[in-house]
């Protein structure tokens, strides 16, 4: 899926990133990452209601923290509409609770569409590229909101654009990740950075606990 979306850029990724983002139905394996977020941040006080709303559908995290253990699970499966789908389910083990940030990705018309949350209410177009050091750079683009028969392009004034960079450190054998979500008017909303190790597991399907409650056919 990611190789198809990135074209020649996929071959420019570090080999470990090629393996990590090579998860798919044809590959026959999943990628399970476990590590520590050195920082989980949010914007000023007025961003809290935005993040609290998101937590009800496992979108973003309202708390802040340092040295927070986390996992990220990437499993491929075929959704009810026949589409190859890859899970990106992150769980953050905060001091007094666990938080999840759920996403599932499909390939549609040559681009990756990222469905956020447990009910795939928000569909986000992603732009993926390789940087000069073999890292993966992800930028979010247009967003659409779907709920039942309702569907509309989500106004970016009320949302944020994500910039994520993921790389592999040969010296430590760790993957490094950094995410920032910003609103073009209000600035920084949410972000995290950390490191993790990956285990590659032979599987043919994703566990039910990682799949969304509702699958949205519209992209």
N, C-alpha and C. Protein backbone atom coordinates (compact mmCIF):
# COMPACT_ATOMS: atom_id res chain seq x y z
N UNK A 1 0.81 -1.20 0.00
CA UNK A 1 0.00 0.00 0.00
C UNK A 1 0.86 1.26 0.00
N UNK A 2 1.82 1.34 0.89
CA UNK A 2 2.66 2.54 1.00
C UNK A 2 3.62 2.65 -0.18
N UNK A 3 4.12 1.51 -0.65
CA UNK A 3 4.98 1.53 -1.83
C UNK A 3 4.20 2.04 -3.04
N UNK A 4 2.95 1.63 -3.17
CA UNK A 4 2.13 2.07 -4.30
C UNK A 4 1.86 3.57 -4.22
N UNK A 5 1.62 4.08 -3.01
CA UNK A 5 1.32 5.50 -2.83
C UNK A 5 2.56 6.37 -3.02
N UNK A 6 3.73 5.87 -2.61
CA UNK A 6 4.95 6.68 -2.64
C UNK A 6 5.74 6.55 -3.93
N UNK A 7 5.51 5.49 -4.69
CA UNK A 7 6.26 5.30 -5.92
C UNK A 7 7.75 5.14 -5.66
N UNK A 8 8.57 5.83 -6.45
CA UNK A 8 10.03 5.69 -6.33
C UNK A 8 10.54 6.16 -4.98
N UNK A 9 9.82 7.03 -4.31
CA UNK A 9 10.25 7.53 -3.00
C UNK A 9 10.34 6.41 -1.97
N UNK A 10 9.52 5.36 -2.12
CA UNK A 10 9.54 4.28 -1.13
C UNK A 10 10.91 3.64 -1.06
N UNK A 11 11.59 3.48 -2.19
CA UNK A 11 12.91 2.86 -2.24
C UNK A 11 13.98 3.72 -1.58
N UNK A 12 13.68 5.01 -1.36
CA UNK A 12 14.62 5.91 -0.72
C UNK A 12 14.54 5.87 0.80
N UNK A 13 13.51 5.20 1.33
CA UNK A 13 13.39 5.05 2.77
C UNK A 13 14.48 4.12 3.30
N UNK A 14 14.87 4.33 4.56
CA UNK A 14 15.77 3.40 5.23
C UNK A 14 15.18 1.99 5.12
N UNK A 15 16.00 0.95 4.95
CA UNK A 15 15.48 -0.41 4.81
C UNK A 15 14.54 -0.84 5.95
N UNK A 16 14.82 -0.38 7.17
CA UNK A 16 13.94 -0.74 8.27
C UNK A 16 12.58 -0.05 8.16
N UNK A 17 12.57 1.14 7.61
CA UNK A 17 11.29 1.81 7.38
C UNK A 17 10.54 1.15 6.22
N UNK A 18 11.28 0.68 5.23
CA UNK A 18 10.62 -0.06 4.15
C UNK A 18 9.96 -1.32 4.71
N UNK A 19 10.63 -1.97 5.65
CA UNK A 19 10.03 -3.17 6.23
C UNK A 19 8.82 -2.80 7.09
N UNK A 20 8.96 -1.76 7.87
CA UNK A 20 7.86 -1.35 8.76
C UNK A 20 6.63 -0.95 7.95
N UNK A 21 6.83 -0.17 6.91
CA UNK A 21 5.70 0.28 6.10
C UNK A 21 5.41 -0.66 4.94
N UNK A 22 6.04 -1.82 4.96
CA UNK A 22 5.72 -2.87 4.00
C UNK A 22 4.61 -3.78 4.48
N UNK A 23 4.04 -3.49 5.66
CA UNK A 23 2.93 -4.29 6.18
C UNK A 23 1.77 -4.24 5.19
N UNK A 24 1.25 -5.39 4.86
CA UNK A 24 0.13 -5.47 3.93
C UNK A 24 -0.36 -6.90 3.83
N UNK A 25 -1.42 -7.11 3.08
CA UNK A 25 -1.97 -8.46 2.95
C UNK A 25 -0.99 -9.39 2.27
N UNK A 26 -0.23 -8.88 1.32
CA UNK A 26 0.71 -9.73 0.59
C UNK A 26 1.95 -10.05 1.41
N UNK A 27 2.31 -9.17 2.34
CA UNK A 27 3.54 -9.36 3.11
C UNK A 27 3.41 -10.48 4.13
N UNK A 28 2.21 -10.66 4.68
CA UNK A 28 1.99 -11.74 5.64
C UNK A 28 2.54 -11.48 7.02
N UNK A 29 2.85 -10.24 7.33
CA UNK A 29 3.33 -9.94 8.68
C UNK A 29 2.75 -8.62 9.18
N UNK A 30 2.77 -8.47 10.50
CA UNK A 30 2.37 -7.24 11.16
C UNK A 30 3.58 -6.64 11.85
N UNK A 31 3.48 -5.36 12.19
CA UNK A 31 4.55 -4.65 12.89
C UNK A 31 4.00 -4.13 14.21
N UNK A 32 4.61 -4.56 15.31
CA UNK A 32 4.19 -4.13 16.64
C UNK A 32 5.35 -3.36 17.27
N UNK A 33 5.14 -2.08 17.51
CA UNK A 33 6.16 -1.24 18.11
C UNK A 33 5.88 -0.99 19.57
N UNK A 34 6.93 -0.97 20.38
CA UNK A 34 6.79 -0.68 21.81
C UNK A 34 7.94 0.21 22.23
N UNK A 35 7.61 1.30 22.91
CA UNK A 35 8.65 2.24 23.31
C UNK A 35 8.15 3.26 24.30
N UNK A 36 8.76 4.44 24.25
CA UNK A 36 8.47 5.50 25.22
C UNK A 36 8.34 6.82 24.48
N UNK A 37 7.27 7.55 24.77
CA UNK A 37 7.14 8.92 24.30
C UNK A 37 7.84 9.84 25.31
N UNK A 38 8.91 10.46 24.87
CA UNK A 38 9.62 11.35 25.79
C UNK A 38 8.78 12.56 26.16
N UNK A 39 7.90 12.98 25.23
CA UNK A 39 6.99 14.11 25.50
C UNK A 39 5.68 13.92 24.76
N UNK A 40 4.58 14.17 25.47
CA UNK A 40 3.27 14.32 24.85
C UNK A 40 2.79 15.71 25.23
N UNK A 41 2.52 16.54 24.23
CA UNK A 41 2.20 17.94 24.49
C UNK A 41 0.84 18.30 23.91
N UNK A 42 0.28 19.39 24.40
CA UNK A 42 -0.90 19.99 23.79
C UNK A 42 -0.72 21.49 23.80
N UNK A 43 -1.60 22.18 23.09
CA UNK A 43 -1.54 23.63 23.02
C UNK A 43 -2.10 24.29 24.25
N UNK A 44 -2.41 25.58 24.18
CA UNK A 44 -2.94 26.32 25.32
C UNK A 44 -4.25 25.73 25.85
N UNK A 45 -4.74 26.28 26.95
CA UNK A 45 -5.91 25.75 27.66
C UNK A 45 -7.12 25.58 26.74
N UNK A 46 -7.26 26.46 25.76
CA UNK A 46 -8.46 26.41 24.93
C UNK A 46 -8.44 25.24 23.94
N UNK A 47 -7.32 24.52 23.84
CA UNK A 47 -7.29 23.32 23.00
C UNK A 47 -7.87 22.10 23.72
N UNK A 48 -8.02 22.19 25.06
CA UNK A 48 -8.46 21.03 25.83
C UNK A 48 -9.85 20.54 25.40
N UNK A 49 -10.87 21.43 25.24
CA UNK A 49 -12.19 20.92 24.79
C UNK A 49 -12.11 20.19 23.45
N UNK A 50 -11.30 20.69 22.52
CA UNK A 50 -11.11 20.05 21.22
C UNK A 50 -10.56 18.63 21.40
N UNK A 51 -9.55 18.49 22.26
CA UNK A 51 -8.93 17.19 22.49
C UNK A 51 -9.84 16.27 23.28
N UNK A 52 -10.62 16.83 24.22
CA UNK A 52 -11.54 16.01 25.00
C UNK A 52 -12.63 15.40 24.12
N UNK A 53 -13.12 16.18 23.17
CA UNK A 53 -14.12 15.65 22.24
C UNK A 53 -13.53 14.49 21.44
N UNK A 54 -12.29 14.65 21.01
CA UNK A 54 -11.63 13.62 20.22
C UNK A 54 -11.44 12.32 20.97
N UNK A 55 -11.24 12.39 22.28
CA UNK A 55 -10.93 11.17 23.03
C UNK A 55 -12.10 10.19 23.06
N UNK A 56 -13.34 10.68 22.87
CA UNK A 56 -14.49 9.79 22.90
C UNK A 56 -14.49 8.83 21.72
N UNK A 57 -13.79 9.17 20.67
CA UNK A 57 -13.69 8.29 19.50
C UNK A 57 -12.23 7.85 19.27
N UNK A 58 -11.42 7.92 20.31
CA UNK A 58 -10.00 7.55 20.23
C UNK A 58 -9.26 8.35 19.16
N UNK A 59 -9.49 9.68 19.18
CA UNK A 59 -8.77 10.58 18.30
C UNK A 59 -8.01 11.58 19.16
N UNK A 60 -6.70 11.57 19.08
CA UNK A 60 -5.83 12.44 19.87
C UNK A 60 -5.91 12.09 21.36
N UNK A 61 -5.13 12.81 22.17
CA UNK A 61 -5.00 12.53 23.60
C UNK A 61 -5.06 13.85 24.35
N UNK A 62 -5.96 14.01 25.34
CA UNK A 62 -6.08 15.31 26.02
C UNK A 62 -5.00 15.57 27.07
N UNK A 63 -4.34 14.53 27.58
CA UNK A 63 -3.35 14.73 28.64
C UNK A 63 -1.97 15.05 28.07
N UNK A 64 -1.12 15.56 28.93
CA UNK A 64 0.29 15.74 28.61
C UNK A 64 1.10 14.81 29.51
N UNK A 65 2.35 14.55 29.12
CA UNK A 65 3.16 13.67 29.94
C UNK A 65 4.58 13.57 29.41
N UNK A 66 5.42 12.97 30.22
CA UNK A 66 6.82 12.73 29.85
C UNK A 66 7.15 11.28 30.15
N UNK A 67 7.99 10.69 29.30
CA UNK A 67 8.41 9.29 29.46
C UNK A 67 7.20 8.36 29.60
N UNK A 68 6.29 8.47 28.64
CA UNK A 68 5.04 7.69 28.65
C UNK A 68 5.22 6.43 27.81
N UNK A 69 5.09 5.25 28.40
CA UNK A 69 5.17 4.01 27.61
C UNK A 69 4.03 3.96 26.59
N UNK A 70 4.32 3.43 25.42
CA UNK A 70 3.28 3.33 24.39
C UNK A 70 3.55 2.14 23.49
N UNK A 71 2.49 1.74 22.78
CA UNK A 71 2.60 0.73 21.72
C UNK A 71 1.94 1.28 20.47
N UNK A 72 2.38 0.80 19.32
CA UNK A 72 1.73 1.08 18.04
C UNK A 72 1.64 -0.24 17.29
N UNK A 73 0.42 -0.56 16.81
CA UNK A 73 0.18 -1.85 16.19
C UNK A 73 -0.31 -1.66 14.76
N UNK A 74 0.44 -2.21 13.83
CA UNK A 74 0.13 -2.13 12.40
C UNK A 74 -0.17 -3.53 11.88
N UNK A 75 -1.45 -3.79 11.64
CA UNK A 75 -1.90 -5.08 11.12
C UNK A 75 -2.70 -4.83 9.85
N UNK A 76 -2.54 -5.69 8.88
CA UNK A 76 -3.30 -5.59 7.63
C UNK A 76 -4.52 -6.51 7.69
N UNK A 77 -5.61 -6.04 7.08
CA UNK A 77 -6.80 -6.89 6.93
C UNK A 77 -7.63 -6.36 5.76
N UNK A 78 -8.61 -7.13 5.34
CA UNK A 78 -9.51 -6.70 4.28
C UNK A 78 -10.82 -6.27 4.93
N UNK A 79 -11.22 -5.04 4.66
CA UNK A 79 -12.41 -4.52 5.34
C UNK A 79 -13.68 -5.04 4.65
N UNK A 80 -14.87 -4.74 5.20
CA UNK A 80 -16.11 -5.29 4.63
C UNK A 80 -16.37 -4.88 3.18
N UNK A 81 -15.67 -3.85 2.69
CA UNK A 81 -15.87 -3.39 1.32
C UNK A 81 -14.78 -3.91 0.38
N UNK A 82 -13.97 -4.86 0.89
CA UNK A 82 -12.95 -5.50 0.07
C UNK A 82 -11.65 -4.73 -0.04
N UNK A 83 -11.50 -3.67 0.74
CA UNK A 83 -10.30 -2.84 0.65
C UNK A 83 -9.20 -3.34 1.58
N UNK A 84 -7.98 -3.38 1.09
CA UNK A 84 -6.85 -3.65 1.96
C UNK A 84 -6.72 -2.48 2.94
N UNK A 85 -6.60 -2.81 4.22
CA UNK A 85 -6.59 -1.81 5.29
C UNK A 85 -5.46 -2.12 6.25
N UNK A 86 -4.79 -1.09 6.74
CA UNK A 86 -3.72 -1.27 7.72
C UNK A 86 -4.05 -0.44 8.96
N UNK A 87 -3.99 -1.07 10.12
CA UNK A 87 -4.28 -0.38 11.38
C UNK A 87 -3.06 0.42 11.85
N UNK A 88 -3.30 1.56 12.41
CA UNK A 88 -2.30 2.35 13.13
C UNK A 88 -2.91 2.71 14.47
N UNK A 89 -2.86 1.76 15.39
CA UNK A 89 -3.48 1.94 16.70
C UNK A 89 -2.39 2.17 17.73
N UNK A 90 -2.42 3.37 18.33
CA UNK A 90 -1.46 3.74 19.36
C UNK A 90 -2.14 3.72 20.73
N UNK A 91 -1.48 3.12 21.71
CA UNK A 91 -1.97 3.14 23.09
C UNK A 91 -0.92 3.78 23.98
N UNK A 92 -1.32 4.79 24.71
CA UNK A 92 -0.43 5.51 25.62
C UNK A 92 -0.79 5.13 27.04
N UNK A 93 0.18 4.62 27.79
CA UNK A 93 -0.07 4.21 29.17
C UNK A 93 0.27 5.39 30.09
N UNK A 94 -0.70 6.27 30.25
CA UNK A 94 -0.55 7.42 31.13
C UNK A 94 -0.52 6.95 32.59
N UNK A 95 -0.09 7.78 33.52
CA UNK A 95 0.04 7.34 34.92
C UNK A 95 -1.24 6.76 35.52
N UNK A 96 -2.41 7.32 35.18
CA UNK A 96 -3.64 6.87 35.82
C UNK A 96 -4.67 6.29 34.85
N UNK A 97 -4.35 6.22 33.59
CA UNK A 97 -5.29 5.69 32.61
C UNK A 97 -4.55 5.37 31.31
N UNK A 98 -5.22 4.64 30.45
CA UNK A 98 -4.68 4.37 29.12
C UNK A 98 -5.51 5.13 28.09
N UNK A 99 -4.83 5.67 27.10
CA UNK A 99 -5.50 6.37 26.02
C UNK A 99 -5.13 5.72 24.70
N UNK A 100 -6.11 5.68 23.76
CA UNK A 100 -5.86 5.14 22.44
C UNK A 100 -6.06 6.21 21.39
N UNK A 101 -5.24 6.14 20.37
CA UNK A 101 -5.35 7.00 19.19
C UNK A 101 -5.44 6.04 18.01
N UNK A 102 -6.65 5.86 17.47
CA UNK A 102 -6.91 4.86 16.45
C UNK A 102 -6.90 5.47 15.05
N UNK A 103 -6.34 4.75 14.12
CA UNK A 103 -6.41 5.13 12.71
C UNK A 103 -6.33 3.87 11.87
N UNK A 104 -7.01 3.89 10.73
CA UNK A 104 -6.92 2.81 9.75
C UNK A 104 -6.72 3.46 8.39
N UNK A 105 -5.85 2.87 7.59
CA UNK A 105 -5.48 3.47 6.32
C UNK A 105 -5.82 2.56 5.15
N UNK A 106 -6.31 3.18 4.06
CA UNK A 106 -6.60 2.46 2.82
C UNK A 106 -5.96 3.22 1.66
N UNK A 107 -5.78 2.52 0.55
CA UNK A 107 -5.27 3.14 -0.67
C UNK A 107 -6.46 3.42 -1.58
N UNK A 108 -6.63 4.69 -1.97
CA UNK A 108 -7.76 5.08 -2.82
C UNK A 108 -7.27 6.03 -3.89
N UNK A 109 -7.39 5.63 -5.13
CA UNK A 109 -7.00 6.45 -6.27
C UNK A 109 -5.55 6.95 -6.16
N UNK A 110 -4.69 6.03 -5.73
CA UNK A 110 -3.26 6.31 -5.68
C UNK A 110 -2.79 7.08 -4.47
N UNK A 111 -3.68 7.39 -3.54
CA UNK A 111 -3.28 8.11 -2.34
C UNK A 111 -3.72 7.32 -1.10
N UNK A 112 -3.05 7.58 0.01
CA UNK A 112 -3.45 6.98 1.28
C UNK A 112 -4.51 7.85 1.93
N UNK A 113 -5.61 7.22 2.32
CA UNK A 113 -6.65 7.89 3.10
C UNK A 113 -6.61 7.32 4.50
N UNK A 114 -6.51 8.21 5.48
CA UNK A 114 -6.38 7.84 6.89
C UNK A 114 -7.72 8.11 7.57
N UNK A 115 -8.38 7.03 8.00
CA UNK A 115 -9.62 7.17 8.77
C UNK A 115 -9.25 7.25 10.25
N UNK A 116 -9.72 8.30 10.92
CA UNK A 116 -9.40 8.50 12.32
C UNK A 116 -10.55 8.05 13.22
N UNK A 117 -10.19 7.43 14.34
CA UNK A 117 -11.17 7.10 15.35
C UNK A 117 -11.82 5.74 15.20
N UNK A 118 -12.65 5.42 16.19
CA UNK A 118 -13.28 4.11 16.26
C UNK A 118 -14.38 3.92 15.23
N UNK A 119 -14.94 5.02 14.71
CA UNK A 119 -16.06 4.92 13.78
C UNK A 119 -15.73 5.50 12.39
N UNK A 120 -14.46 5.77 12.16
CA UNK A 120 -14.01 6.30 10.87
C UNK A 120 -14.80 7.53 10.43
N UNK A 121 -15.10 8.40 11.40
CA UNK A 121 -15.86 9.61 11.08
C UNK A 121 -15.05 10.61 10.25
N UNK A 122 -13.74 10.62 10.44
CA UNK A 122 -12.90 11.61 9.78
C UNK A 122 -11.96 10.91 8.81
N UNK A 123 -12.04 11.27 7.53
CA UNK A 123 -11.16 10.72 6.49
C UNK A 123 -10.18 11.81 6.07
N UNK A 124 -8.90 11.51 6.13
CA UNK A 124 -7.86 12.51 5.90
C UNK A 124 -6.94 12.03 4.78
N UNK A 125 -6.72 12.87 3.78
CA UNK A 125 -5.76 12.57 2.72
C UNK A 125 -4.35 12.77 3.26
N UNK A 126 -3.45 11.85 2.92
CA UNK A 126 -2.06 11.93 3.38
C UNK A 126 -1.11 12.10 2.20
N UNK A 127 -0.11 12.93 2.41
CA UNK A 127 0.99 13.08 1.47
C UNK A 127 2.23 12.47 2.11
N UNK A 128 2.83 11.48 1.46
CA UNK A 128 3.98 10.76 2.02
C UNK A 128 5.20 10.97 1.14
N UNK A 129 6.35 11.16 1.79
CA UNK A 129 7.59 11.33 1.04
C UNK A 129 8.75 10.84 1.89
N UNK A 130 9.90 10.66 1.24
CA UNK A 130 11.14 10.30 1.93
C UNK A 130 12.02 11.54 2.01
N UNK A 131 12.66 11.73 3.17
CA UNK A 131 13.57 12.87 3.28
C UNK A 131 14.99 12.44 2.89
N UNK A 132 15.93 13.37 2.97
CA UNK A 132 17.29 13.11 2.51
C UNK A 132 18.00 12.05 3.34
N UNK A 133 17.52 11.80 4.57
CA UNK A 133 18.16 10.83 5.45
C UNK A 133 17.45 9.48 5.46
N UNK A 134 16.49 9.30 4.56
CA UNK A 134 15.77 8.03 4.51
C UNK A 134 14.62 7.94 5.49
N UNK A 135 14.23 9.08 6.09
CA UNK A 135 13.09 9.10 6.98
C UNK A 135 11.79 9.28 6.22
N UNK A 136 10.69 8.90 6.85
CA UNK A 136 9.37 9.08 6.26
C UNK A 136 8.78 10.40 6.75
N UNK A 137 8.30 11.21 5.84
CA UNK A 137 7.62 12.46 6.19
C UNK A 137 6.17 12.34 5.75
N UNK A 138 5.26 12.56 6.68
CA UNK A 138 3.83 12.47 6.43
C UNK A 138 3.20 13.83 6.70
N UNK A 139 2.45 14.32 5.74
CA UNK A 139 1.69 15.56 5.91
C UNK A 139 0.23 15.28 5.62
N UNK A 140 -0.64 15.73 6.51
CA UNK A 140 -2.07 15.56 6.26
C UNK A 140 -2.58 16.69 5.38
N UNK A 141 -3.65 16.38 4.64
CA UNK A 141 -4.20 17.36 3.71
C UNK A 141 -5.71 17.47 3.96
N UNK A 142 -6.51 17.42 2.92
CA UNK A 142 -7.95 17.62 3.04
C UNK A 142 -8.59 16.59 3.97
N UNK A 143 -9.64 17.03 4.66
CA UNK A 143 -10.35 16.18 5.60
C UNK A 143 -11.84 16.19 5.28
N UNK A 144 -12.47 15.02 5.47
CA UNK A 144 -13.90 14.90 5.25
C UNK A 144 -14.55 14.22 6.45
N UNK A 145 -15.72 14.70 6.84
CA UNK A 145 -16.45 14.14 7.98
C UNK A 145 -17.62 13.33 7.46
N UNK A 146 -17.75 12.08 7.99
CA UNK A 146 -18.84 11.21 7.61
C UNK A 146 -19.53 10.66 8.86
N UNK A 147 -20.86 10.72 8.88
CA UNK A 147 -21.65 10.12 9.96
C UNK A 147 -23.02 9.78 9.40
N UNK A 148 -23.31 8.48 9.24
CA UNK A 148 -24.56 8.08 8.63
C UNK A 148 -24.65 8.66 7.22
N UNK A 149 -25.79 9.27 6.86
CA UNK A 149 -25.93 9.85 5.52
C UNK A 149 -25.20 11.18 5.38
N UNK A 150 -24.75 11.75 6.50
CA UNK A 150 -24.09 13.05 6.47
C UNK A 150 -22.66 12.91 5.98
N UNK A 151 -22.25 13.82 5.11
CA UNK A 151 -20.87 13.83 4.64
C UNK A 151 -20.51 15.19 4.11
N UNK A 152 -19.41 15.76 4.56
CA UNK A 152 -19.00 17.07 4.09
C UNK A 152 -17.51 17.26 4.28
N UNK A 153 -16.94 18.16 3.50
CA UNK A 153 -15.53 18.52 3.65
C UNK A 153 -15.37 19.29 4.95
N UNK A 154 -14.49 18.82 5.82
CA UNK A 154 -14.35 19.41 7.14
C UNK A 154 -13.56 20.72 7.03
N UNK A 155 -14.10 21.82 7.56
CA UNK A 155 -13.38 23.11 7.45
C UNK A 155 -12.11 23.10 8.29
N UNK A 156 -10.98 23.43 7.66
CA UNK A 156 -9.71 23.36 8.34
C UNK A 156 -9.56 24.42 9.44
N UNK A 157 -10.43 25.44 9.44
CA UNK A 157 -10.40 26.41 10.53
C UNK A 157 -10.66 25.73 11.87
N UNK A 158 -11.42 24.63 11.84
CA UNK A 158 -11.79 23.93 13.07
C UNK A 158 -11.02 22.63 13.26
N UNK A 159 -9.96 22.47 12.51
CA UNK A 159 -9.16 21.25 12.63
C UNK A 159 -7.68 21.61 12.54
N UNK A 160 -6.85 20.60 12.39
CA UNK A 160 -5.42 20.84 12.31
C UNK A 160 -4.78 19.98 11.23
N UNK A 161 -3.62 20.41 10.80
CA UNK A 161 -2.83 19.63 9.85
C UNK A 161 -1.66 18.99 10.59
N UNK A 162 -1.45 17.72 10.30
CA UNK A 162 -0.40 16.97 10.98
C UNK A 162 0.88 16.94 10.14
N UNK A 163 2.00 17.02 10.83
CA UNK A 163 3.31 16.80 10.23
C UNK A 163 4.01 15.76 11.08
N UNK A 164 4.31 14.63 10.47
CA UNK A 164 4.96 13.53 11.19
C UNK A 164 6.24 13.15 10.48
N UNK A 165 7.26 12.89 11.27
CA UNK A 165 8.51 12.36 10.71
C UNK A 165 8.89 11.11 11.49
N UNK A 166 9.19 10.05 10.77
CA UNK A 166 9.63 8.80 11.40
C UNK A 166 10.94 8.39 10.76
N UNK A 167 11.89 7.97 11.58
CA UNK A 167 13.22 7.60 11.09
C UNK A 167 13.72 6.40 11.87
N UNK A 168 14.86 5.86 11.41
CA UNK A 168 15.49 4.73 12.10
C UNK A 168 16.91 5.12 12.45
N UNK A 169 17.27 4.89 13.71
CA UNK A 169 18.61 5.20 14.23
C UNK A 169 19.45 3.92 14.21
N UNK A 170 20.42 3.85 13.31
CA UNK A 170 21.25 2.65 13.22
C UNK A 170 22.08 2.41 14.47
N UNK A 171 22.48 3.47 15.16
CA UNK A 171 23.33 3.32 16.34
C UNK A 171 22.59 2.67 17.50
N UNK A 172 21.32 3.03 17.69
CA UNK A 172 20.55 2.50 18.82
C UNK A 172 19.62 1.36 18.43
N UNK A 173 19.36 1.22 17.13
CA UNK A 173 18.40 0.22 16.68
C UNK A 173 16.95 0.60 17.00
N UNK A 174 16.72 1.91 17.16
CA UNK A 174 15.38 2.39 17.53
C UNK A 174 14.76 3.19 16.38
N UNK A 175 13.45 3.08 16.28
CA UNK A 175 12.70 3.99 15.43
C UNK A 175 12.44 5.27 16.22
N UNK A 176 12.50 6.40 15.54
CA UNK A 176 12.21 7.69 16.16
C UNK A 176 10.99 8.29 15.48
N UNK A 177 10.11 8.89 16.28
CA UNK A 177 8.88 9.46 15.75
C UNK A 177 8.63 10.82 16.37
N UNK A 178 8.16 11.74 15.55
CA UNK A 178 7.79 13.08 16.03
C UNK A 178 6.57 13.55 15.25
N UNK A 179 5.55 14.00 15.99
CA UNK A 179 4.30 14.46 15.39
C UNK A 179 3.93 15.82 15.94
N UNK A 180 3.47 16.71 15.06
CA UNK A 180 2.89 17.98 15.48
C UNK A 180 1.62 18.21 14.68
N UNK A 181 0.57 18.62 15.38
CA UNK A 181 -0.69 19.00 14.74
C UNK A 181 -0.90 20.49 14.99
N UNK A 182 -1.06 21.25 13.92
CA UNK A 182 -1.22 22.70 14.03
C UNK A 182 -2.44 23.18 13.26
N UNK A 183 -3.05 24.21 13.79
CA UNK A 183 -4.12 24.92 13.11
C UNK A 183 -3.53 26.17 12.47
N UNK A 184 -3.96 26.48 11.25
CA UNK A 184 -3.33 27.58 10.52
C UNK A 184 -3.59 28.94 11.18
N UNK A 185 -4.62 29.04 12.01
CA UNK A 185 -4.91 30.29 12.70
C UNK A 185 -4.44 30.24 14.15
N UNK A 186 -4.74 29.15 14.84
CA UNK A 186 -4.52 29.08 16.28
C UNK A 186 -3.19 28.45 16.68
N UNK A 187 -2.45 27.92 15.72
CA UNK A 187 -1.13 27.40 16.03
C UNK A 187 -1.12 25.96 16.53
N UNK A 188 -0.19 25.67 17.41
CA UNK A 188 0.05 24.31 17.87
C UNK A 188 -1.13 23.76 18.68
N UNK A 189 -1.57 22.53 18.34
CA UNK A 189 -2.67 21.88 19.03
C UNK A 189 -2.23 20.68 19.85
N UNK A 190 -1.39 19.83 19.25
CA UNK A 190 -1.06 18.55 19.88
C UNK A 190 0.21 18.00 19.25
N UNK A 191 0.97 17.24 20.03
CA UNK A 191 2.16 16.61 19.47
C UNK A 191 2.78 15.62 20.42
N UNK A 192 3.66 14.79 19.86
CA UNK A 192 4.43 13.87 20.68
C UNK A 192 5.72 13.52 19.96
N UNK A 193 6.67 13.02 20.74
CA UNK A 193 7.92 12.51 20.17
C UNK A 193 8.45 11.42 21.07
N UNK A 194 9.08 10.41 20.45
CA UNK A 194 9.59 9.30 21.23
C UNK A 194 10.35 8.31 20.37
N UNK A 195 10.67 7.17 20.97
CA UNK A 195 11.41 6.11 20.29
C UNK A 195 10.75 4.77 20.59
N UNK A 196 10.96 3.80 19.69
CA UNK A 196 10.38 2.48 19.92
C UNK A 196 11.14 1.43 19.12
N UNK A 197 10.97 0.18 19.54
CA UNK A 197 11.48 -0.98 18.83
C UNK A 197 10.31 -1.72 18.20
N UNK A 198 10.58 -2.41 17.12
CA UNK A 198 9.52 -3.13 16.42
C UNK A 198 9.77 -4.64 16.42
N UNK A 199 8.67 -5.35 16.54
CA UNK A 199 8.66 -6.80 16.37
C UNK A 199 7.78 -7.10 15.16
N UNK A 200 8.24 -7.97 14.29
CA UNK A 200 7.48 -8.32 13.09
C UNK A 200 6.90 -9.72 13.29
N UNK A 201 5.56 -9.79 13.22
CA UNK A 201 4.83 -11.00 13.59
C UNK A 201 4.12 -11.55 12.36
N UNK A 202 4.27 -12.85 12.13
CA UNK A 202 3.59 -13.49 11.00
C UNK A 202 2.09 -13.61 11.32
N UNK A 203 1.25 -12.98 10.51
CA UNK A 203 -0.20 -13.02 10.72
C UNK A 203 -0.89 -12.95 9.36
N UNK A 204 -2.19 -13.27 9.35
CA UNK A 204 -2.98 -13.18 8.12
C UNK A 204 -4.18 -12.25 8.28
N UNK A 205 -4.38 -11.70 9.49
CA UNK A 205 -5.52 -10.83 9.74
C UNK A 205 -5.20 -9.96 10.95
N UNK A 206 -6.00 -8.90 11.13
CA UNK A 206 -5.85 -8.04 12.30
C UNK A 206 -6.77 -8.53 13.42
N UNK A 207 -6.34 -8.44 14.67
CA UNK A 207 -7.24 -8.78 15.77
C UNK A 207 -8.47 -7.86 15.77
N UNK A 208 -9.59 -8.38 16.19
CA UNK A 208 -10.82 -7.60 16.19
C UNK A 208 -10.70 -6.34 17.05
N UNK A 209 -9.92 -6.41 18.13
CA UNK A 209 -9.79 -5.27 19.04
C UNK A 209 -9.14 -4.06 18.37
N UNK A 210 -8.46 -4.27 17.24
CA UNK A 210 -7.81 -3.17 16.54
C UNK A 210 -8.66 -2.60 15.41
N UNK A 211 -9.73 -3.29 15.05
CA UNK A 211 -10.56 -2.85 13.94
C UNK A 211 -11.58 -1.83 14.42
N UNK A 212 -11.97 -0.90 13.56
CA UNK A 212 -12.97 0.10 13.97
C UNK A 212 -14.33 -0.53 14.20
N UNK A 213 -15.15 0.15 14.98
CA UNK A 213 -16.51 -0.31 15.23
C UNK A 213 -17.35 -0.20 13.96
N UNK A 214 -17.09 0.85 13.19
CA UNK A 214 -17.82 1.10 11.94
C UNK A 214 -16.82 1.36 10.82
N UNK A 215 -17.04 0.74 9.66
CA UNK A 215 -16.23 0.99 8.47
C UNK A 215 -16.98 1.92 7.53
N UNK A 216 -16.32 2.97 7.10
CA UNK A 216 -16.93 3.95 6.21
C UNK A 216 -16.54 3.66 4.76
N UNK A 217 -17.53 3.47 3.87
CA UNK A 217 -17.20 3.18 2.47
C UNK A 217 -16.70 4.39 1.69
N UNK A 218 -17.09 5.60 2.11
CA UNK A 218 -16.69 6.80 1.37
C UNK A 218 -15.27 7.20 1.72
N UNK A 219 -14.52 7.61 0.72
CA UNK A 219 -13.18 8.11 0.95
C UNK A 219 -13.10 9.60 0.73
